[in-house]
C-alpha atoms as a PDB file:
ATOM      1  CA  MET A   1      68.660  18.716  32.196  1.00  0.00           C
ATOM      2  CA  CYS A   2      70.726  18.729  35.371  1.00  0.00           C
ATOM      3  CA  ASN A   3      74.326  19.872  35.637  1.00  0.00           C
ATOM      4  CA  ILE A   4      75.502  18.008  38.721  1.00  0.00           C
ATOM      5  CA  THR A   5      79.012  16.607  39.040  1.00  0.00           C
ATOM      6  CA  GLY A   6      78.870  12.815  38.859  1.00  0.00           C
ATOM      7  CA  LEU A   7      75.334  12.648  37.513  1.00  0.00           C
ATOM      8  CA  PRO A   8      75.430  10.407  34.422  1.00  0.00           C
ATOM      9  CA  LYS A   9      74.494  12.032  31.119  1.00  0.00           C
ATOM     10  CA  GLY A  10      70.801  11.653  30.350  1.00  0.00           C
ATOM     11  CA  VAL A  11      69.889  11.022  33.999  1.00  0.00           C
ATOM     12  CA  GLY A  12      68.063  13.501  36.201  1.00  0.00           C
ATOM     13  CA  ASN A  13      64.979  14.475  34.262  1.00  0.00           C
ATOM     14  CA  LYS A  14      62.775  12.554  36.681  1.00  0.00           C
ATOM     15  CA  ASP A  15      62.480  13.232  40.406  1.00  0.00           C
ATOM     16  CA  GLU A  16      63.105   9.557  41.198  1.00  0.00           C
ATOM     17  CA  GLU A  17      66.393   9.631  39.267  1.00  0.00           C
ATOM     18  CA  LEU A  18      67.617  12.614  41.271  1.00  0.00           C
ATOM     19  CA  LYS A  19      66.449  11.086  44.535  1.00  0.00           C
ATOM     20  CA  SER A  20      68.273   7.852  43.745  1.00  0.00           C
ATOM     21  CA  PHE A  21      71.448   9.737  42.768  1.00  0.00           C
ATOM     22  CA  PHE A  22      71.311  11.785  45.974  1.00  0.00           C
ATOM     23  CA  LEU A  23      70.818   8.748  48.216  1.00  0.00           C
ATOM     24  CA  ASP A  24      73.599   6.847  46.436  1.00  0.00           C
ATOM     25  CA  GLN A  25      75.896   9.853  46.914  1.00  0.00           C
ATOM     26  CA  ILE A  26      75.197   9.800  50.659  1.00  0.00           C
ATOM     27  CA  LYS A  27      76.105   6.099  50.730  1.00  0.00           C
ATOM     28  CA  ARG A  28      79.360   6.809  48.837  1.00  0.00           C
ATOM     29  CA  ILE A  29      80.298   9.551  51.292  1.00  0.00           C
ATOM     30  CA  HIS A  30      79.587   7.382  54.337  1.00  0.00           C
ATOM     31  CA  SER A  31      81.577   4.525  52.783  1.00  0.00           C
ATOM     32  CA  PHE A  32      84.515   6.875  52.124  1.00  0.00           C
ATOM     33  CA  VAL A  33      84.520   8.099  55.728  1.00  0.00           C
ATOM     34  CA  ARG A  34      84.445   4.516  57.031  1.00  0.00           C
ATOM     35  CA  LYS A  35      87.367   3.635  54.760  1.00  0.00           C
ATOM     36  CA  PHE A  36      89.367   6.718  55.795  1.00  0.00           C
ATOM     37  CA  PRO A  37      88.549   7.286  59.495  1.00  0.00           C
ATOM     38  CA  SER A  38      90.900  10.260  59.753  1.00  0.00           C
ATOM     39  CA  HIS A  39      88.176  12.205  57.920  1.00  0.00           C
ATOM     40  CA  ARG A  40      85.375  13.587  60.055  1.00  0.00           C
ATOM     41  CA  LEU A  41      81.852  13.594  58.677  1.00  0.00           C
ATOM     42  CA  VAL A  42      79.620  16.425  59.819  1.00  0.00           C
ATOM     43  CA  THR A  43      75.976  16.065  58.887  1.00  0.00           C
ATOM     44  CA  VAL A  44      73.850  19.186  59.204  1.00  0.00           C
ATOM     45  CA  ALA A  45      70.127  19.625  58.654  1.00  0.00           C
ATOM     46  CA  ILE A  46      70.507  23.064  57.109  1.00  0.00           C
ATOM     47  CA  ASP A  47      66.851  23.930  57.627  1.00  0.00           C
ATOM     48  CA  SER A  48      67.039  23.172  61.348  1.00  0.00           C
ATOM     49  CA  PRO A  49      66.796  26.116  63.739  1.00  0.00           C
ATOM     50  CA  ASN A  50      69.850  24.592  65.492  1.00  0.00           C
ATOM     51  CA  ALA A  51      72.017  24.316  62.345  1.00  0.00           C
ATOM     52  CA  GLY A  52      74.265  27.124  63.608  1.00  0.00           C
ATOM     53  CA  GLY A  53      74.764  25.300  66.906  1.00  0.00           C
ATOM     54  CA  THR A  54      75.651  22.077  65.106  1.00  0.00           C
ATOM     55  CA  LEU A  55      78.223  23.914  62.976  1.00  0.00           C
ATOM     56  CA  GLN A  56      79.594  25.714  66.024  1.00  0.00           C
ATOM     57  CA  ASP A  57      80.078  22.409  67.820  1.00  0.00           C
ATOM     58  CA  ALA A  58      81.767  20.845  64.796  1.00  0.00           C
ATOM     59  CA  PHE A  59      84.026  23.703  63.705  1.00  0.00           C
ATOM     60  CA  GLY A  60      84.293  26.006  66.717  1.00  0.00           C
ATOM     61  CA  ILE A  61      82.949  29.028  64.839  1.00  0.00           C
ATOM     62  CA  ASP A  62      80.341  30.996  66.787  1.00  0.00           C
ATOM     63  CA  LYS A  63      76.823  29.942  65.819  1.00  0.00           C
ATOM     64  CA  ARG A  64      75.902  33.582  65.195  1.00  0.00           C
ATOM     65  CA  CYS A  65      78.206  33.523  62.160  1.00  0.00           C
ATOM     66  CA  TRP A  66      76.083  30.879  60.452  1.00  0.00           C
ATOM     67  CA  GLY A  67      73.096  32.522  58.826  1.00  0.00           C
ATOM     68  CA  HIS A  68      70.695  32.145  55.951  1.00  0.00           C
ATOM     69  CA  TYR A  69      72.117  34.399  53.276  1.00  0.00           C
ATOM     70  CA  ASN A  70      70.551  33.125  50.064  1.00  0.00           C
ATOM     71  CA  LYS A  71      66.873  33.457  50.801  1.00  0.00           C
ATOM     72  CA  ARG A  72      64.852  33.658  47.636  1.00  0.00           C
ATOM     73  CA  VAL A  73      63.297  37.060  47.274  1.00  0.00           C
ATOM     74  CA  SER A  74      60.830  38.430  44.803  1.00  0.00           C
ATOM     75  CA  VAL A  75      62.462  40.300  41.970  1.00  0.00           C
ATOM     76  CA  LYS A  76      60.442  42.773  39.956  1.00  0.00           C
ATOM     77  CA  ARG A  77      61.678  43.708  36.483  1.00  0.00           C
ATOM     78  CA  HIS A  78      60.727  47.191  35.390  1.00  0.00           C
ATOM     79  CA  ARG A  79      59.894  48.129  31.797  1.00  0.00           C
ATOM     80  CA  ASN A  80      63.288  49.773  31.450  1.00  0.00           C
ATOM     81  CA  GLY A  81      64.990  46.437  32.275  1.00  0.00           C
ATOM     82  CA  THR A  82      66.203  47.357  35.760  1.00  0.00           C
ATOM     83  CA  LEU A  83      65.577  45.031  38.671  1.00  0.00           C
ATOM     84  CA  ASP A  84      63.983  45.985  41.964  1.00  0.00           C
ATOM     85  CA  ARG A  85      65.278  43.667  44.676  1.00  0.00           C
ATOM     86  CA  PRO A  86      64.019  44.056  48.221  1.00  0.00           C
ATOM     87  CA  SER A  87      66.707  43.947  50.896  1.00  0.00           C
ATOM     88  CA  VAL A  88      67.037  40.729  52.852  1.00  0.00           C
ATOM     89  CA  GLY A  89      67.679  40.735  56.572  1.00  0.00           C
ATOM     90  CA  VAL A  90      69.699  37.967  58.183  1.00  0.00           C
ATOM     91  CA  SER A  91      68.718  36.542  61.539  1.00  0.00           C
ATOM     92  CA  VAL A  92      71.563  35.662  63.847  1.00  0.00           C
END
Protein backbone atom coordinates (compact mmCIF):
# COMPACT_ATOMS: atom_id res chain seq x y z
CA MET A 1 0.00 0.00 0.00
CA CYS A 2 1.30 3.45 -0.89
CA ASN A 3 1.08 6.51 1.33
CA ILE A 4 1.30 9.31 -1.21
CA THR A 5 -0.66 12.54 -0.85
CA GLY A 6 -3.41 12.64 -3.48
CA LEU A 7 -3.19 8.97 -4.37
CA PRO A 8 -6.73 7.56 -4.16
CA LYS A 9 -7.34 4.86 -1.56
CA GLY A 10 -6.85 1.38 -3.00
CA VAL A 11 -4.72 2.64 -5.89
CA GLY A 12 -0.98 2.10 -6.18
CA ASN A 13 -0.48 -1.61 -5.74
CA LYS A 14 0.41 -1.99 -9.41
CA ASP A 15 3.32 -0.28 -11.16
CA GLU A 16 1.01 0.98 -13.92
CA GLU A 17 -1.24 2.68 -11.36
CA LEU A 18 1.71 4.54 -9.86
CA LYS A 19 3.06 5.45 -13.28
CA SER A 20 -0.33 6.82 -14.32
CA PHE A 21 -0.66 8.79 -11.06
CA PHE A 22 2.83 10.24 -11.49
CA LEU A 23 2.25 11.29 -15.10
CA ASP A 24 -1.13 12.82 -14.23
CA GLN A 25 0.53 14.75 -11.39
CA ILE A 26 3.06 16.19 -13.84
CA LYS A 27 0.19 17.30 -16.09
CA ARG A 28 -1.58 18.94 -13.11
CA ILE A 29 1.58 20.83 -12.16
CA HIS A 30 2.19 22.06 -15.71
CA SER A 31 -1.46 23.12 -15.98
CA PHE A 32 -1.19 25.03 -12.68
CA VAL A 33 1.92 26.88 -13.85
CA ARG A 34 0.23 27.82 -17.14
CA LYS A 35 -2.79 29.11 -15.21
CA PHE A 36 -0.63 31.09 -12.76
CA PRO A 37 2.36 32.36 -14.80
CA SER A 38 3.83 34.22 -11.83
CA HIS A 39 4.97 30.78 -10.61
CA ARG A 40 8.21 29.48 -12.06
CA LEU A 41 8.53 25.78 -12.80
CA VAL A 42 11.99 24.30 -12.43
CA THR A 43 12.37 20.77 -13.73
CA VAL A 44 15.48 18.90 -12.64
CA ALA A 45 16.68 15.45 -13.63
CA ILE A 46 18.02 14.65 -10.18
CA ASP A 47 20.17 11.80 -11.45
CA SER A 48 21.90 14.03 -14.00
CA PRO A 49 25.55 14.87 -13.38
CA ASN A 50 24.56 18.50 -14.11
CA ALA A 51 21.67 18.64 -11.60
CA GLY A 52 23.70 20.97 -9.36
CA GLY A 53 24.30 23.32 -12.28
CA THR A 54 20.61 23.36 -13.15
CA LEU A 55 19.71 24.21 -9.54
CA GLN A 56 22.43 26.86 -9.40
CA ASP A 57 21.06 28.51 -12.53
CA ALA A 58 17.50 28.42 -11.19
CA PHE A 59 18.09 29.48 -7.59
CA GLY A 60 21.51 31.14 -7.55
CA ILE A 61 22.91 28.75 -4.95
CA ASP A 62 26.39 27.46 -5.79
CA LYS A 63 26.21 24.07 -7.51
CA ARG A 64 28.70 22.66 -5.00
CA CYS A 65 25.99 22.96 -2.33
CA TRP A 66 23.77 20.48 -4.15
CA GLY A 67 24.91 16.96 -3.37
CA HIS A 68 23.65 13.43 -3.06
CA TYR A 69 23.09 12.98 0.65
CA ASN A 70 20.71 10.04 0.88
CA LYS A 71 22.63 7.33 -0.89
CA ARG A 72 21.47 3.92 0.16
CA VAL A 73 24.16 2.14 2.08
CA SER A 74 24.41 -1.38 3.36
CA VAL A 75 23.41 -1.70 6.98
CA LYS A 76 24.57 -4.68 8.98
CA ARG A 77 22.65 -5.60 12.13
CA HIS A 78 24.75 -7.28 14.78
CA ARG A 79 23.44 -10.00 17.11
CA ASN A 80 23.25 -7.48 19.93
CA GLY A 81 20.85 -5.33 17.86
CA THR A 82 23.27 -2.51 17.07
CA LEU A 83 23.65 -1.27 13.52
CA ASP A 84 26.92 -0.90 11.64
CA ARG A 85 26.54 1.84 9.05
CA PRO A 86 29.45 2.67 6.78
CA SER A 87 30.15 6.38 6.36
CA VAL A 88 28.99 7.98 3.14
CA GLY A 89 31.10 10.52 1.32
CA VAL A 90 29.48 13.32 -0.65
CA SER A 91 30.90 14.43 -3.97
CA VAL A 92 30.77 18.13 -4.66
